[in-house]
Amino acid sequence: MAASHSAIELQAAGVALEGDLILPDGASGLVVFAHGSGSSRFSTRNRRVARYLSEQGLATLLFDLLTAEENLIDEWTRELRFDIPLIGSRMTGAVDWVARAAQTRDLRLGLFGASTGAAAALIAAARRPDEVAAVVSRGGRPDLAGDDLAAVRAPTLLLVGGEDAPVIALNEQTRARMPAPCELIIVPGATHLFEEPGKLEEVQAHAARWFLDHL
């Protein structure tokens, strides 16, 4: 499937953030990625998932939740990557941006969050219920979305590795708190990062099914 690849700069919560947009011909929806703590739009795992989704006809946007200057600070302090209100507001700002941008505004929107990025995605879904149609969390900490969980209306898929016991428990607690349709899938034999052979491919397949069903 033919697709255009472009580097973009989006405005979110008052700052300029760098992103990479893949836009297949006739895209059936758009998935915006929120990376996890200490990662960026160059996350190898998220880029693999994004490439797979684009092959299924979904547009994808990977962007940095922190500015270049903030990244330098965070490399020393490791504080900003766990600033959930900050990354939640940036993700919400990204939703606003894609809802206005000429190349994306006509596409139904899904959010894909990994690790702490799952909390950012759910915060954005709670605050923009008319824009966000679906959410997928990979090895996420959706529990960190806190009180915003009660306002999420978008169907949500939680993917957790079977060997990631503490995160399984946190995702089960999250599912119990959410009024939105929510499915928890435990991927057997996978650890937190889904590094085992074939496990990230399972994540890709589950995510594609969810987004294609809801977008």
Protein backbone atom coordinates (compact mmCIF):
# COMPACT_ATOMS: atom_id res chain seq x y z
CA MET A 1 0.00 0.00 0.00
CA ALA A 2 1.42 3.37 -1.04
CA ALA A 3 1.99 5.82 1.81
CA SER A 4 3.55 9.23 2.32
CA HIS A 5 6.10 9.76 5.10
CA SER A 6 6.64 13.25 6.49
CA ALA A 7 8.40 14.94 9.40
CA ILE A 8 6.08 17.39 11.10
CA GLU A 9 6.12 19.91 13.92
CA LEU A 10 2.97 19.99 15.99
CA GLN A 11 1.90 22.52 18.57
CA ALA A 12 0.71 20.91 21.80
CA ALA A 13 0.06 22.60 25.15
CA GLY A 14 2.06 25.64 24.12
CA VAL A 15 5.21 23.93 22.84
CA ALA A 16 6.47 22.70 19.46
CA LEU A 17 7.05 18.95 19.28
CA GLU A 18 8.68 16.88 16.54
CA GLY A 19 6.77 14.05 14.90
CA ASP A 20 6.76 11.52 12.07
CA LEU A 21 3.54 10.97 10.12
CA ILE A 22 2.81 7.98 7.88
CA LEU A 23 -0.28 8.54 5.73
CA PRO A 24 -1.35 5.58 3.56
CA ASP A 25 -3.50 6.25 0.51
CA GLY A 26 -7.15 6.04 1.56
CA ALA A 27 -6.31 5.71 5.25
CA SER A 28 -9.20 4.38 7.33
CA GLY A 29 -8.13 6.12 10.54
CA LEU A 30 -5.21 7.67 12.43
CA VAL A 31 -3.32 6.22 15.40
CA VAL A 32 -1.29 8.64 17.53
CA PHE A 33 1.42 7.07 19.70
CA ALA A 34 2.38 8.07 23.25
CA HIS A 35 5.76 6.57 24.07
CA GLY A 36 6.80 5.33 27.49
CA SER A 37 9.18 6.69 30.08
CA GLY A 38 12.65 7.46 28.81
CA SER A 39 11.71 6.81 25.19
CA SER A 40 10.95 8.98 22.15
CA ARG A 41 9.39 8.87 18.70
CA PHE A 42 12.39 6.73 17.69
CA SER A 43 11.26 3.87 19.96
CA THR A 44 12.10 0.69 18.01
CA ARG A 45 9.05 -1.19 19.28
CA ASN A 46 6.57 1.60 18.61
CA ARG A 47 8.00 2.19 15.14
CA ARG A 48 7.53 -1.50 14.34
CA VAL A 49 3.92 -1.35 15.50
CA ALA A 50 3.35 1.88 13.54
CA ARG A 51 4.78 0.35 10.38
CA TYR A 52 2.52 -2.69 10.75
CA LEU A 53 -0.57 -0.53 11.31
CA SER A 54 0.26 1.57 8.26
CA GLU A 55 0.43 -1.64 6.21
CA GLN A 56 -3.15 -2.31 7.37
CA GLY A 57 -4.27 1.06 6.01
CA LEU A 58 -4.07 3.15 9.19
CA ALA A 59 -2.24 6.47 9.32
CA THR A 60 0.20 6.75 12.24
CA LEU A 61 1.83 9.62 14.10
CA LEU A 62 4.79 9.16 16.43
CA PHE A 63 5.89 12.31 18.23
CA ASP A 64 8.08 13.38 21.11
CA LEU A 65 6.21 14.19 24.31
CA LEU A 66 9.18 16.30 25.45
CA THR A 67 11.09 19.06 23.66
CA ALA A 68 14.76 18.58 22.83
CA GLU A 69 15.73 20.80 25.76
CA GLU A 70 13.46 18.89 28.14
CA ASN A 71 14.93 15.61 26.95
CA LEU A 72 18.41 16.81 27.90
CA ILE A 73 17.17 17.74 31.37
CA ASP A 74 15.32 14.45 31.72
CA GLU A 75 18.41 12.43 30.87
CA TRP A 76 19.95 13.80 34.06
CA THR A 77 16.96 14.07 36.39
CA ARG A 78 14.59 11.37 35.05
CA GLU A 79 11.76 13.50 36.41
CA LEU A 80 9.83 14.66 33.34
CA ARG A 81 9.23 11.17 31.97
CA PHE A 82 7.12 10.45 35.06
CA ASP A 83 5.32 13.81 35.05
CA ILE A 84 1.91 12.40 34.15
CA PRO A 85 0.04 15.75 34.17
CA LEU A 86 2.65 17.14 31.76
CA ILE A 87 2.61 14.27 29.26
CA GLY A 88 -1.18 14.00 29.57
CA SER A 89 -1.56 17.66 28.60
CA ARG A 90 0.88 17.20 25.68
CA MET A 91 -1.09 14.19 24.43
CA THR A 92 -4.33 16.13 24.70
CA GLY A 93 -2.70 18.96 22.76
CA ALA A 94 -1.63 16.49 20.07
CA VAL A 95 -5.25 15.31 19.75
CA ASP A 96 -6.30 18.93 19.26
CA TRP A 97 -3.60 19.41 16.63
CA VAL A 98 -4.50 16.38 14.51
CA ALA A 99 -8.20 17.34 14.75
CA ARG A 100 -7.32 20.65 13.04
CA ALA A 101 -4.49 19.72 10.65
CA ALA A 102 -5.55 19.49 7.01
CA GLN A 103 -3.91 16.10 6.40
CA THR A 104 -5.47 14.38 9.46
CA ARG A 105 -8.66 16.19 10.48
CA ASP A 106 -10.97 13.91 8.47
CA LEU A 107 -9.63 10.68 10.03
CA ARG A 108 -11.18 8.94 13.02
CA LEU A 109 -8.65 8.91 15.84
CA GLY A 110 -7.13 6.16 17.98
CA LEU A 111 -4.40 6.42 20.61
CA PHE A 112 -1.66 3.86 21.34
CA GLY A 113 0.18 4.23 24.64
CA ALA A 114 3.15 2.27 26.00
CA SER A 115 4.25 2.27 29.66
CA THR A 116 3.53 5.72 31.13
CA GLY A 117 2.32 6.79 27.69
CA ALA A 118 -0.80 4.68 28.30
CA ALA A 119 -1.78 7.07 31.09
CA ALA A 120 -1.21 10.04 28.79
CA ALA A 121 -3.40 8.42 26.12
CA LEU A 122 -6.24 7.76 28.55
CA ILE A 123 -6.06 11.29 29.95
CA ALA A 124 -6.40 12.63 26.40
CA ALA A 125 -9.28 10.24 25.69
CA ALA A 126 -11.05 11.40 28.85
CA ARG A 127 -10.61 15.08 28.01
CA ARG A 128 -11.46 14.78 24.31
CA PRO A 129 -14.28 12.18 24.24
CA ASP A 130 -15.67 13.51 20.96
CA GLU A 131 -12.33 13.11 19.19
CA VAL A 132 -10.84 9.82 20.49
CA ALA A 133 -12.59 6.69 19.19
CA ALA A 134 -10.30 3.94 20.57
CA VAL A 135 -7.30 3.38 22.84
CA VAL A 136 -4.71 0.58 23.02
CA SER A 137 -2.22 0.20 25.89
CA ARG A 138 0.93 -1.95 25.53
CA GLY A 139 2.62 -2.95 28.77
CA GLY A 140 1.08 0.21 30.11
CA ARG A 141 0.52 1.98 33.38
CA PRO A 142 -3.05 3.12 32.72
CA ASP A 143 -3.61 3.31 36.47
CA LEU A 144 -1.51 6.50 36.47
CA ALA A 145 -4.34 8.29 34.64
CA GLY A 146 -6.01 8.49 38.07
CA ASP A 147 -9.39 10.21 38.26
CA ASP A 148 -9.46 10.73 34.48
CA LEU A 149 -10.21 7.01 34.07
CA ALA A 150 -13.80 7.59 35.11
CA ALA A 151 -14.32 9.96 32.16
CA VAL A 152 -12.94 7.68 29.42
CA ARG A 153 -15.63 6.70 26.89
CA ALA A 154 -13.45 5.28 24.10
CA PRO A 155 -13.26 1.46 23.82
CA THR A 156 -9.93 0.48 25.38
CA LEU A 157 -7.70 -2.56 24.87
CA LEU A 158 -5.10 -3.37 27.55
CA LEU A 159 -2.24 -5.64 26.41
CA VAL A 160 0.05 -7.03 29.12
CA GLY A 161 2.77 -9.68 29.10
CA GLY A 162 1.96 -12.89 30.95
CA GLU A 163 5.28 -12.67 32.83
CA ASP A 164 4.66 -9.05 33.90
CA ALA A 165 2.75 -9.86 37.10
CA PRO A 166 2.81 -6.41 38.82
CA VAL A 167 1.54 -4.69 35.66
CA ILE A 168 -1.16 -7.34 35.16
CA ALA A 169 -2.56 -6.46 38.59
CA LEU A 170 -2.48 -2.72 37.86
CA ASN A 171 -4.28 -3.24 34.54
CA GLU A 172 -6.94 -5.39 36.19
CA GLN A 173 -7.53 -2.60 38.70
CA THR A 174 -7.77 -0.10 35.85
CA ARG A 175 -10.32 -2.17 33.95
CA ALA A 176 -12.50 -2.29 37.07
CA ARG A 177 -12.45 1.52 37.32
CA MET A 178 -13.31 2.31 33.70
CA PRO A 179 -16.88 2.82 32.52
CA ALA A 180 -15.79 2.49 28.88
CA PRO A 181 -15.78 -0.89 27.11
CA CYS A 182 -12.46 -2.37 28.16
CA GLU A 183 -10.75 -5.63 27.20
CA LEU A 184 -7.65 -7.02 28.92
CA ILE A 185 -5.51 -9.46 26.95
CA ILE A 186 -2.59 -11.18 28.64
CA VAL A 187 0.03 -12.31 26.10
CA PRO A 188 1.45 -15.65 27.32
CA GLY A 189 5.21 -15.84 27.77
CA ALA A 190 5.82 -12.13 27.26
CA THR A 191 7.69 -9.88 29.67
CA HIS A 192 7.18 -6.14 30.08
CA LEU A 193 8.78 -5.07 26.78
CA PHE A 194 7.48 -7.98 24.67
CA GLU A 195 11.03 -8.74 23.56
CA GLU A 196 10.50 -12.48 23.21
CA PRO A 197 10.25 -13.93 19.67
CA GLY A 198 6.83 -13.39 18.15
CA LYS A 199 5.36 -11.47 21.08
CA LEU A 200 5.47 -7.98 19.57
CA GLU A 201 3.84 -9.46 16.47
CA GLU A 202 0.96 -10.59 18.71
CA VAL A 203 0.68 -7.04 20.04
CA GLN A 204 0.56 -5.70 16.48
CA ALA A 205 -2.20 -8.10 15.49
CA HIS A 206 -4.34 -7.31 18.54
CA ALA A 207 -3.84 -3.55 18.11
CA ALA A 208 -4.69 -3.66 14.40
CA ARG A 209 -7.89 -5.61 15.11
CA TRP A 210 -8.96 -3.13 17.78
CA PHE A 211 -8.29 -0.03 15.73
CA LEU A 212 -9.80 -1.42 12.52
CA ASP A 213 -12.94 -2.45 14.44
CA HIS A 214 -13.36 0.95 16.10
CA LEU A 215 -11.97 3.40 13.56
